[in-house]
């Protein structure tokens, strides 16, 4: 093998190894991004001053900053938005099902309350550009349907009477 052939082979081998390192680093970077976002939003302590959705709606004009207690649910539909840090919650303030064994999906009271538009909110975690974080909330916060969460953020109500919360923090009740 000539010197130039060996040199070419050596350069190709180096590029292949560098390519493997770069590809391996991509997965690690994604996991690091998820961990960084989780650390940014997830709280171990529950924020103080939680209110019901109804009380929050009454004072939104003067006080858009809210702390809401909600159950991750959307009636018969999936409460999560695939691939985004967004989900639907129903009002769980003073939740009567806080004792063990309660199944809100089969509770007539919970179903009736969840069907009311004023007792729902869409929670979205936004990035610095104001776009929904492109990480599924189930993965980002290890969330499941019917979990009770306390969300802190800025709420608005759109013309269709849907409440949106641009969340800055979440606490998952155990």
N, C-alpha and C. Protein backbone atom coordinates (compact mmCIF):
# COMPACT_ATOMS: atom_id res chain seq x y z
N UNK A 1 0.85 -1.16 0.00
CA UNK A 1 0.00 0.00 0.00
C UNK A 1 0.90 1.23 0.00
N UNK A 2 0.58 2.16 -0.85
CA UNK A 2 1.40 3.37 -0.96
C UNK A 2 1.11 4.31 0.19
N UNK A 3 2.02 5.27 0.34
CA UNK A 3 1.88 6.24 1.41
C UNK A 3 0.57 7.02 1.28
N UNK A 4 0.21 7.45 0.08
CA UNK A 4 -1.00 8.24 -0.11
C UNK A 4 -2.25 7.40 0.13
N UNK A 5 -2.23 6.12 -0.19
CA UNK A 5 -3.37 5.24 0.07
C UNK A 5 -3.54 5.04 1.57
N UNK A 6 -2.42 4.84 2.30
CA UNK A 6 -2.49 4.69 3.76
C UNK A 6 -3.01 5.97 4.41
N UNK A 7 -2.55 7.08 3.91
CA UNK A 7 -2.97 8.35 4.46
C UNK A 7 -4.49 8.56 4.24
N UNK A 8 -4.97 8.24 3.04
CA UNK A 8 -6.39 8.36 2.72
C UNK A 8 -7.20 7.43 3.64
N UNK A 9 -6.75 6.19 3.80
CA UNK A 9 -7.42 5.20 4.65
C UNK A 9 -7.47 5.70 6.10
N UNK A 10 -6.36 6.25 6.58
CA UNK A 10 -6.27 6.76 7.94
C UNK A 10 -7.26 7.93 8.14
N UNK A 11 -7.32 8.85 7.18
CA UNK A 11 -8.23 9.99 7.26
C UNK A 11 -9.70 9.53 7.27
N UNK A 12 -10.03 8.55 6.44
CA UNK A 12 -11.39 8.02 6.41
C UNK A 12 -11.75 7.35 7.74
N UNK A 13 -10.78 6.64 8.32
CA UNK A 13 -11.02 5.98 9.60
C UNK A 13 -11.27 7.02 10.70
N UNK A 14 -10.50 8.09 10.71
CA UNK A 14 -10.68 9.17 11.69
C UNK A 14 -12.06 9.80 11.54
N UNK A 15 -12.46 10.08 10.30
CA UNK A 15 -13.77 10.68 10.05
C UNK A 15 -14.89 9.75 10.50
N UNK A 16 -14.75 8.46 10.28
CA UNK A 16 -15.76 7.50 10.71
C UNK A 16 -15.90 7.49 12.23
N UNK A 17 -14.78 7.50 12.94
CA UNK A 17 -14.80 7.51 14.40
C UNK A 17 -15.43 8.80 14.91
N UNK A 18 -15.07 9.93 14.32
CA UNK A 18 -15.66 11.21 14.72
C UNK A 18 -17.16 11.22 14.47
N UNK A 19 -17.58 10.62 13.37
CA UNK A 19 -19.01 10.52 13.07
C UNK A 19 -19.75 9.70 14.12
N UNK A 20 -19.13 8.62 14.58
CA UNK A 20 -19.75 7.80 15.63
C UNK A 20 -19.88 8.59 16.93
N UNK A 21 -18.83 9.33 17.28
CA UNK A 21 -18.90 10.14 18.50
C UNK A 21 -19.98 11.21 18.38
N UNK A 22 -20.09 11.83 17.24
CA UNK A 22 -21.10 12.87 17.04
C UNK A 22 -22.50 12.29 17.14
N UNK A 23 -22.72 11.11 16.53
CA UNK A 23 -24.03 10.47 16.58
C UNK A 23 -24.38 10.05 18.00
N UNK A 24 -23.41 9.54 18.73
CA UNK A 24 -23.66 9.13 20.11
C UNK A 24 -23.98 10.33 20.97
N UNK A 25 -23.39 11.45 20.71
CA UNK A 25 -23.63 12.65 21.50
C UNK A 25 -25.00 13.24 21.28
N UNK A 26 -25.64 12.98 20.14
CA UNK A 26 -26.96 13.55 19.86
C UNK A 26 -27.99 13.05 20.86
N UNK A 27 -28.00 11.76 21.16
CA UNK A 27 -28.95 11.21 22.11
C UNK A 27 -28.72 11.77 23.49
N UNK A 28 -27.48 11.90 23.88
CA UNK A 28 -27.15 12.44 25.20
C UNK A 28 -27.60 13.89 25.29
N UNK A 29 -27.44 14.65 24.21
CA UNK A 29 -27.87 16.05 24.21
C UNK A 29 -29.37 16.17 24.38
N UNK A 30 -30.13 15.29 23.77
CA UNK A 30 -31.59 15.31 23.87
C UNK A 30 -32.02 15.00 25.31
N UNK A 31 -31.38 14.00 25.90
CA UNK A 31 -31.70 13.65 27.29
C UNK A 31 -31.31 14.80 28.23
N UNK A 32 -30.20 15.45 27.94
CA UNK A 32 -29.77 16.60 28.75
C UNK A 32 -30.77 17.74 28.62
N UNK A 33 -31.33 17.94 27.41
CA UNK A 33 -32.33 18.98 27.18
C UNK A 33 -33.60 18.68 27.97
N UNK A 34 -34.02 17.42 27.98
CA UNK A 34 -35.20 17.03 28.75
C UNK A 34 -34.96 17.28 30.24
N UNK A 35 -33.80 16.87 30.73
CA UNK A 35 -33.47 17.07 32.15
C UNK A 35 -33.42 18.55 32.50
N UNK A 36 -32.84 19.37 31.62
CA UNK A 36 -32.75 20.81 31.89
C UNK A 36 -34.14 21.44 31.94
N UNK A 37 -35.01 21.08 31.01
CA UNK A 37 -36.38 21.61 31.01
C UNK A 37 -37.14 21.14 32.24
N UNK A 38 -36.96 19.88 32.60
CA UNK A 38 -37.62 19.34 33.80
C UNK A 38 -37.20 20.14 35.03
N UNK A 39 -35.89 20.38 35.16
CA UNK A 39 -35.39 21.14 36.31
C UNK A 39 -35.91 22.57 36.31
N UNK A 40 -36.14 23.12 35.14
CA UNK A 40 -36.64 24.49 35.02
C UNK A 40 -38.08 24.62 35.51
N UNK A 41 -38.92 23.63 35.21
CA UNK A 41 -40.35 23.74 35.49
C UNK A 41 -40.85 22.94 36.70
N UNK A 42 -40.28 21.79 36.97
CA UNK A 42 -40.81 20.88 37.99
C UNK A 42 -40.42 21.33 39.39
N UNK A 43 -41.41 21.42 40.28
CA UNK A 43 -41.18 21.83 41.66
C UNK A 43 -41.47 20.65 42.61
N UNK A 44 -40.63 20.49 43.61
CA UNK A 44 -40.87 19.45 44.60
C UNK A 44 -41.84 19.94 45.68
N UNK A 45 -41.86 21.25 45.91
CA UNK A 45 -42.78 21.84 46.87
C UNK A 45 -43.97 22.43 46.13
N UNK A 46 -45.14 22.27 46.71
CA UNK A 46 -46.36 22.80 46.10
C UNK A 46 -46.42 24.31 46.28
N UNK A 47 -46.69 25.06 45.19
CA UNK A 47 -46.81 26.51 45.32
C UNK A 47 -47.99 26.88 46.22
N UNK A 48 -47.83 27.93 46.98
CA UNK A 48 -48.88 28.39 47.89
C UNK A 48 -49.94 29.18 47.11
N UNK A 49 -51.12 29.28 47.69
CA UNK A 49 -52.15 30.14 47.15
C UNK A 49 -52.98 29.54 46.02
N UNK A 50 -53.10 28.23 45.97
CA UNK A 50 -53.88 27.59 44.89
C UNK A 50 -55.35 27.98 44.99
N UNK A 51 -55.95 28.21 43.82
CA UNK A 51 -57.36 28.57 43.75
C UNK A 51 -58.08 27.65 42.77
N UNK A 52 -59.39 27.71 42.80
CA UNK A 52 -60.20 26.95 41.85
C UNK A 52 -60.20 27.67 40.51
N UNK A 53 -60.58 26.97 39.47
CA UNK A 53 -60.67 27.57 38.14
C UNK A 53 -61.69 28.70 38.13
N UNK A 54 -62.81 28.50 38.83
CA UNK A 54 -63.87 29.51 38.85
C UNK A 54 -63.36 30.79 39.50
N UNK A 55 -62.70 30.67 40.65
CA UNK A 55 -62.16 31.86 41.31
C UNK A 55 -61.10 32.54 40.45
N UNK A 56 -60.27 31.76 39.80
CA UNK A 56 -59.24 32.34 38.93
C UNK A 56 -59.87 33.12 37.78
N UNK A 57 -60.92 32.57 37.18
CA UNK A 57 -61.58 33.25 36.07
C UNK A 57 -62.19 34.58 36.51
N UNK A 58 -62.70 34.64 37.73
CA UNK A 58 -63.34 35.86 38.23
C UNK A 58 -62.35 37.01 38.39
N UNK A 59 -61.08 36.68 38.63
CA UNK A 59 -60.09 37.73 38.89
C UNK A 59 -59.03 37.86 37.79
N UNK A 60 -59.23 37.17 36.66
CA UNK A 60 -58.22 37.19 35.60
C UNK A 60 -57.93 38.59 35.06
N UNK A 61 -58.93 39.43 34.96
CA UNK A 61 -58.71 40.77 34.41
C UNK A 61 -57.71 41.55 35.26
N UNK A 62 -57.81 41.42 36.59
CA UNK A 62 -56.90 42.14 37.48
C UNK A 62 -55.65 41.34 37.81
N UNK A 63 -55.77 40.01 37.79
CA UNK A 63 -54.68 39.17 38.25
C UNK A 63 -54.53 37.94 37.34
N UNK A 64 -53.78 38.08 36.23
CA UNK A 64 -53.61 36.93 35.33
C UNK A 64 -52.67 35.86 35.86
N UNK A 65 -51.86 36.18 36.88
CA UNK A 65 -50.97 35.18 37.48
C UNK A 65 -51.83 34.26 38.35
N UNK A 66 -51.75 32.96 38.09
CA UNK A 66 -52.60 32.00 38.79
C UNK A 66 -51.79 30.83 39.33
N UNK A 67 -52.36 30.20 40.34
CA UNK A 67 -51.89 28.91 40.85
C UNK A 67 -53.16 28.06 40.92
N UNK A 68 -53.23 27.05 40.05
CA UNK A 68 -54.43 26.22 39.92
C UNK A 68 -54.16 24.77 40.29
N UNK A 69 -55.14 24.15 40.93
CA UNK A 69 -55.09 22.71 41.19
C UNK A 69 -55.95 22.05 40.13
N UNK A 70 -55.37 21.12 39.38
CA UNK A 70 -56.12 20.48 38.32
C UNK A 70 -55.82 18.99 38.21
N UNK A 71 -56.80 18.27 37.70
CA UNK A 71 -56.64 16.85 37.43
C UNK A 71 -56.43 16.69 35.93
N UNK A 72 -55.39 15.97 35.54
CA UNK A 72 -55.10 15.77 34.12
C UNK A 72 -56.19 14.89 33.53
N UNK A 73 -57.07 15.52 32.78
CA UNK A 73 -58.21 14.81 32.21
C UNK A 73 -58.83 15.67 31.11
N UNK A 74 -59.47 15.00 30.17
CA UNK A 74 -60.17 15.70 29.08
C UNK A 74 -61.41 14.92 28.67
N UNK A 75 -62.13 14.40 29.65
CA UNK A 75 -63.32 13.61 29.33
C UNK A 75 -62.93 12.32 28.65
N UNK A 76 -63.56 12.05 27.51
CA UNK A 76 -63.29 10.82 26.76
C UNK A 76 -62.07 10.94 25.84
N UNK A 77 -61.42 12.08 25.83
CA UNK A 77 -60.30 12.31 24.92
C UNK A 77 -58.97 12.23 25.68
N UNK A 78 -57.90 12.09 24.92
CA UNK A 78 -56.56 12.07 25.51
C UNK A 78 -56.23 13.49 25.98
N UNK A 79 -55.87 13.66 27.25
CA UNK A 79 -55.58 15.01 27.74
C UNK A 79 -54.23 15.55 27.28
N UNK A 80 -53.37 14.70 26.74
CA UNK A 80 -52.03 15.13 26.36
C UNK A 80 -51.96 15.50 24.88
N UNK A 81 -51.07 16.44 24.56
CA UNK A 81 -50.81 16.81 23.18
C UNK A 81 -49.52 16.09 22.79
N UNK A 82 -49.61 15.20 21.84
CA UNK A 82 -48.48 14.37 21.41
C UNK A 82 -47.28 15.23 21.04
N UNK A 83 -46.14 14.95 21.68
CA UNK A 83 -44.89 15.61 21.33
C UNK A 83 -44.74 17.04 21.84
N UNK A 84 -45.65 17.47 22.72
CA UNK A 84 -45.56 18.84 23.24
C UNK A 84 -45.76 18.85 24.75
N UNK A 85 -45.20 19.84 25.39
CA UNK A 85 -45.37 20.01 26.83
C UNK A 85 -46.68 20.75 27.05
N UNK A 86 -47.78 20.05 26.79
CA UNK A 86 -49.12 20.63 26.92
C UNK A 86 -50.11 19.53 27.26
N UNK A 87 -51.12 19.90 28.06
CA UNK A 87 -52.15 18.94 28.43
C UNK A 87 -53.36 19.69 28.95
N UNK A 88 -54.48 18.98 29.05
CA UNK A 88 -55.72 19.54 29.56
C UNK A 88 -55.91 19.11 31.00
N UNK A 89 -56.36 20.05 31.83
CA UNK A 89 -56.69 19.74 33.21
C UNK A 89 -58.13 20.17 33.49
N UNK A 90 -58.75 19.47 34.42
CA UNK A 90 -60.07 19.87 34.91
C UNK A 90 -59.90 20.31 36.36
N UNK A 91 -60.80 21.13 36.82
CA UNK A 91 -60.71 21.70 38.16
C UNK A 91 -60.71 20.59 39.21
N UNK A 92 -59.73 20.61 40.09
CA UNK A 92 -59.64 19.62 41.17
C UNK A 92 -59.51 20.31 42.51
N UNK A 93 -59.86 21.59 42.57
CA UNK A 93 -59.78 22.31 43.83
C UNK A 93 -60.83 21.75 44.77
N UNK A 94 -60.42 21.37 45.97
CA UNK A 94 -61.35 20.75 46.91
C UNK A 94 -61.84 19.41 46.40
N UNK A 95 -61.00 18.71 45.65
CA UNK A 95 -61.34 17.44 45.00
C UNK A 95 -61.92 16.45 46.01
N UNK A 96 -63.13 16.01 45.75
CA UNK A 96 -63.78 15.07 46.67
C UNK A 96 -63.17 13.68 46.57
N UNK A 97 -62.36 13.43 45.55
CA UNK A 97 -61.78 12.11 45.36
C UNK A 97 -60.38 11.99 45.88
N UNK A 98 -60.04 12.79 46.88
CA UNK A 98 -58.66 12.75 47.37
C UNK A 98 -58.38 11.53 48.24
N UNK A 99 -59.43 10.84 48.69
CA UNK A 99 -59.19 9.60 49.42
C UNK A 99 -58.84 8.49 48.43
N UNK A 100 -58.19 7.48 48.86
CA UNK A 100 -57.75 6.40 47.98
C UNK A 100 -58.90 5.67 47.30
N UNK A 101 -58.65 5.14 46.13
CA UNK A 101 -59.62 4.32 45.43
C UNK A 101 -60.61 5.07 44.55
N UNK A 102 -60.54 6.37 44.51
CA UNK A 102 -61.47 7.15 43.68
C UNK A 102 -61.05 7.07 42.23
N UNK A 103 -62.00 6.80 41.34
CA UNK A 103 -61.73 6.74 39.90
C UNK A 103 -62.51 7.86 39.22
N UNK A 104 -61.86 9.00 38.95
CA UNK A 104 -62.58 10.14 38.37
C UNK A 104 -63.15 9.84 36.99
N UNK A 105 -62.60 8.87 36.28
CA UNK A 105 -63.12 8.54 34.95
C UNK A 105 -64.50 7.88 35.03
N UNK A 106 -64.83 7.31 36.19
CA UNK A 106 -66.13 6.64 36.35
C UNK A 106 -67.02 7.30 37.41
N UNK A 107 -66.62 8.44 37.89
CA UNK A 107 -67.39 9.16 38.90
C UNK A 107 -68.35 10.13 38.21
N UNK A 108 -69.67 10.01 38.45
CA UNK A 108 -70.62 10.91 37.79
C UNK A 108 -70.38 12.38 38.11
N UNK A 109 -70.01 12.68 39.36
CA UNK A 109 -69.75 14.07 39.74
C UNK A 109 -68.56 14.62 38.97
N UNK A 110 -67.46 13.86 38.91
CA UNK A 110 -66.25 14.31 38.20
C UNK A 110 -66.53 14.47 36.71
N UNK A 111 -67.28 13.53 36.13
CA UNK A 111 -67.60 13.62 34.70
C UNK A 111 -68.43 14.86 34.39
N UNK A 112 -69.43 15.14 35.25
CA UNK A 112 -70.28 16.32 35.02
C UNK A 112 -69.45 17.59 35.16
N UNK A 113 -68.61 17.65 36.19
CA UNK A 113 -67.77 18.83 36.40
C UNK A 113 -66.79 19.02 35.24
N UNK A 114 -66.20 17.93 34.76
CA UNK A 114 -65.23 18.00 33.67
C UNK A 114 -65.87 18.44 32.35
N UNK A 115 -67.18 18.22 32.21
CA UNK A 115 -67.84 18.59 30.96
C UNK A 115 -68.12 20.09 30.87
N UNK A 116 -68.01 20.81 31.98
CA UNK A 116 -68.25 22.24 31.98
C UNK A 116 -67.04 22.98 31.41
N UNK A 117 -67.23 23.84 30.41
CA UNK A 117 -66.08 24.54 29.82
C UNK A 117 -65.33 25.43 30.82
N UNK A 118 -66.02 25.93 31.83
CA UNK A 118 -65.35 26.80 32.79
C UNK A 118 -64.51 26.02 33.80
N UNK A 119 -64.58 24.70 33.77
CA UNK A 119 -63.79 23.91 34.71
C UNK A 119 -62.64 23.19 34.02
N UNK A 120 -62.25 23.68 32.83
CA UNK A 120 -61.13 23.10 32.10
C UNK A 120 -60.10 24.18 31.79
N UNK A 121 -58.88 23.74 31.61
CA UNK A 121 -57.83 24.65 31.16
C UNK A 121 -56.82 23.84 30.35
N UNK A 122 -56.22 24.51 29.40
CA UNK A 122 -55.14 23.91 28.62
C UNK A 122 -53.84 24.51 29.14
N UNK A 123 -52.99 23.64 29.64
CA UNK A 123 -51.72 24.05 30.22
C UNK A 123 -50.64 23.88 29.17
N UNK A 124 -49.84 24.91 28.96
CA UNK A 124 -48.76 24.87 27.97
C UNK A 124 -47.49 25.42 28.61
N UNK A 125 -46.40 24.70 28.41
CA UNK A 125 -45.09 25.18 28.86
C UNK A 125 -44.40 25.77 27.64
N UNK A 126 -44.10 27.06 27.71
CA UNK A 126 -43.56 27.78 26.56
C UNK A 126 -42.06 28.01 26.71
N UNK A 127 -41.37 28.02 25.56
CA UNK A 127 -39.93 28.29 25.57
C UNK A 127 -39.70 29.80 25.50
N UNK A 128 -38.44 30.19 25.34
CA UNK A 128 -38.08 31.61 25.32
C UNK A 128 -38.71 32.37 24.15
N UNK A 129 -39.03 31.66 23.06
CA UNK A 129 -39.65 32.30 21.90
C UNK A 129 -41.17 32.30 21.97
N UNK A 130 -41.73 31.79 23.07
CA UNK A 130 -43.18 31.76 23.22
C UNK A 130 -43.84 30.58 22.54
N UNK A 131 -43.07 29.59 22.14
CA UNK A 131 -43.63 28.38 21.50
C UNK A 131 -43.69 27.25 22.52
N UNK A 132 -44.65 26.35 22.32
CA UNK A 132 -44.79 25.22 23.23
C UNK A 132 -43.53 24.35 23.15
N UNK A 133 -43.00 23.99 24.31
CA UNK A 133 -41.78 23.16 24.37
C UNK A 133 -42.07 21.84 23.64
N UNK A 134 -41.21 21.47 22.68
CA UNK A 134 -41.47 20.28 21.86
C UNK A 134 -41.02 18.97 22.51
N UNK A 135 -41.38 18.79 23.77
CA UNK A 135 -41.11 17.55 24.50
C UNK A 135 -42.43 17.10 25.11
N UNK A 136 -42.82 15.88 24.86
CA UNK A 136 -44.08 15.37 25.37
C UNK A 136 -44.12 15.51 26.90
N UNK A 137 -45.21 16.07 27.42
CA UNK A 137 -45.35 16.31 28.86
C UNK A 137 -45.27 15.01 29.66
N UNK A 138 -45.72 13.90 29.06
CA UNK A 138 -45.64 12.62 29.76
C UNK A 138 -44.19 12.25 30.03
N UNK A 139 -43.33 12.53 29.07
CA UNK A 139 -41.91 12.22 29.23
C UNK A 139 -41.23 13.29 30.09
N UNK A 140 -41.57 14.53 29.84
CA UNK A 140 -40.91 15.64 30.54
C UNK A 140 -41.15 15.59 32.05
N UNK A 141 -42.39 15.31 32.46
CA UNK A 141 -42.73 15.35 33.88
C UNK A 141 -43.18 13.99 34.43
N UNK A 142 -43.12 12.94 33.63
CA UNK A 142 -43.57 11.61 34.03
C UNK A 142 -45.03 11.66 34.48
N UNK A 143 -45.88 12.25 33.62
CA UNK A 143 -47.29 12.44 33.94
C UNK A 143 -48.15 11.33 33.37
N UNK A 144 -49.30 11.12 34.04
CA UNK A 144 -50.28 10.14 33.60
C UNK A 144 -51.67 10.75 33.74
N UNK A 145 -52.64 10.25 32.98
CA UNK A 145 -54.01 10.76 33.14
C UNK A 145 -54.50 10.59 34.57
N UNK A 146 -55.32 11.52 35.01
CA UNK A 146 -55.97 11.56 36.32
C UNK A 146 -55.05 11.95 37.47
N UNK A 147 -53.79 12.27 37.20
CA UNK A 147 -52.94 12.77 38.27
C UNK A 147 -53.37 14.20 38.60
N UNK A 148 -53.19 14.57 39.86
CA UNK A 148 -53.50 15.93 40.29
C UNK A 148 -52.21 16.72 40.30
N UNK A 149 -52.25 17.89 39.66
CA UNK A 149 -51.09 18.76 39.57
C UNK A 149 -51.47 20.16 40.04
N UNK A 150 -50.47 20.89 40.49
CA UNK A 150 -50.64 22.30 40.82
C UNK A 150 -49.78 23.06 39.83
N UNK A 151 -50.41 23.94 39.07
CA UNK A 151 -49.74 24.65 37.99
C UNK A 151 -49.72 26.14 38.31
N UNK A 152 -48.55 26.73 38.13
CA UNK A 152 -48.39 28.17 38.34
C UNK A 152 -48.04 28.80 37.01
N UNK A 153 -48.73 29.90 36.67
CA UNK A 153 -48.43 30.57 35.41
C UNK A 153 -49.34 31.76 35.18
N UNK A 154 -49.42 32.14 33.92
CA UNK A 154 -50.25 33.28 33.51
C UNK A 154 -51.42 32.74 32.69
N UNK A 155 -52.63 33.07 33.10
CA UNK A 155 -53.82 32.54 32.44
C UNK A 155 -54.49 33.59 31.57
N UNK A 156 -55.08 33.11 30.49
CA UNK A 156 -55.89 33.93 29.60
C UNK A 156 -57.11 33.10 29.21
N UNK A 157 -58.16 33.79 28.78
CA UNK A 157 -59.35 33.11 28.28
C UNK A 157 -59.58 33.60 26.86
N UNK A 158 -59.69 32.66 25.93
CA UNK A 158 -59.87 33.04 24.53
C UNK A 158 -61.35 33.35 24.24
N UNK A 159 -61.67 33.83 23.03
CA UNK A 159 -63.06 34.17 22.70
C UNK A 159 -64.04 32.99 22.79
N UNK A 160 -63.54 31.76 22.74
CA UNK A 160 -64.41 30.59 22.86
C UNK A 160 -64.56 30.14 24.32
N UNK A 161 -64.09 30.96 25.25
CA UNK A 161 -64.19 30.72 26.68
C UNK A 161 -63.28 29.58 27.16
N UNK A 162 -62.19 29.33 26.45
CA UNK A 162 -61.22 28.32 26.85
C UNK A 162 -60.09 29.01 27.61
N UNK A 163 -59.78 28.48 28.79
CA UNK A 163 -58.68 29.04 29.58
C UNK A 163 -57.38 28.38 29.16
N UNK A 164 -56.37 29.20 28.92
CA UNK A 164 -55.02 28.73 28.62
C UNK A 164 -54.11 29.22 29.74
N UNK A 165 -53.21 28.33 30.15
CA UNK A 165 -52.24 28.70 31.18
C UNK A 165 -50.85 28.54 30.59
N UNK A 166 -50.13 29.66 30.47
CA UNK A 166 -48.72 29.62 30.08
C UNK A 166 -47.97 29.33 31.38
N UNK A 167 -47.65 28.07 31.58
CA UNK A 167 -47.13 27.62 32.87
C UNK A 167 -45.65 27.92 33.03
N UNK A 168 -45.29 28.28 34.25
CA UNK A 168 -43.88 28.48 34.57
C UNK A 168 -43.41 27.46 35.62
N UNK A 169 -44.37 26.74 36.23
CA UNK A 169 -44.02 25.74 37.22
C UNK A 169 -45.13 24.71 37.35
N UNK A 170 -44.73 23.49 37.71
CA UNK A 170 -45.69 22.42 37.97
C UNK A 170 -45.22 21.61 39.18
N UNK A 171 -46.20 21.23 39.97
CA UNK A 171 -45.95 20.33 41.10
C UNK A 171 -46.93 19.17 40.94
N UNK A 172 -46.44 17.95 41.03
CA UNK A 172 -47.28 16.76 40.90
C UNK A 172 -47.60 16.27 42.30
N UNK A 173 -48.88 16.24 42.64
CA UNK A 173 -49.27 15.73 43.96
C UNK A 173 -49.14 14.22 43.99
N UNK A 174 -48.67 13.71 45.10
CA UNK A 174 -48.50 12.26 45.26
C UNK A 174 -49.63 11.68 46.06
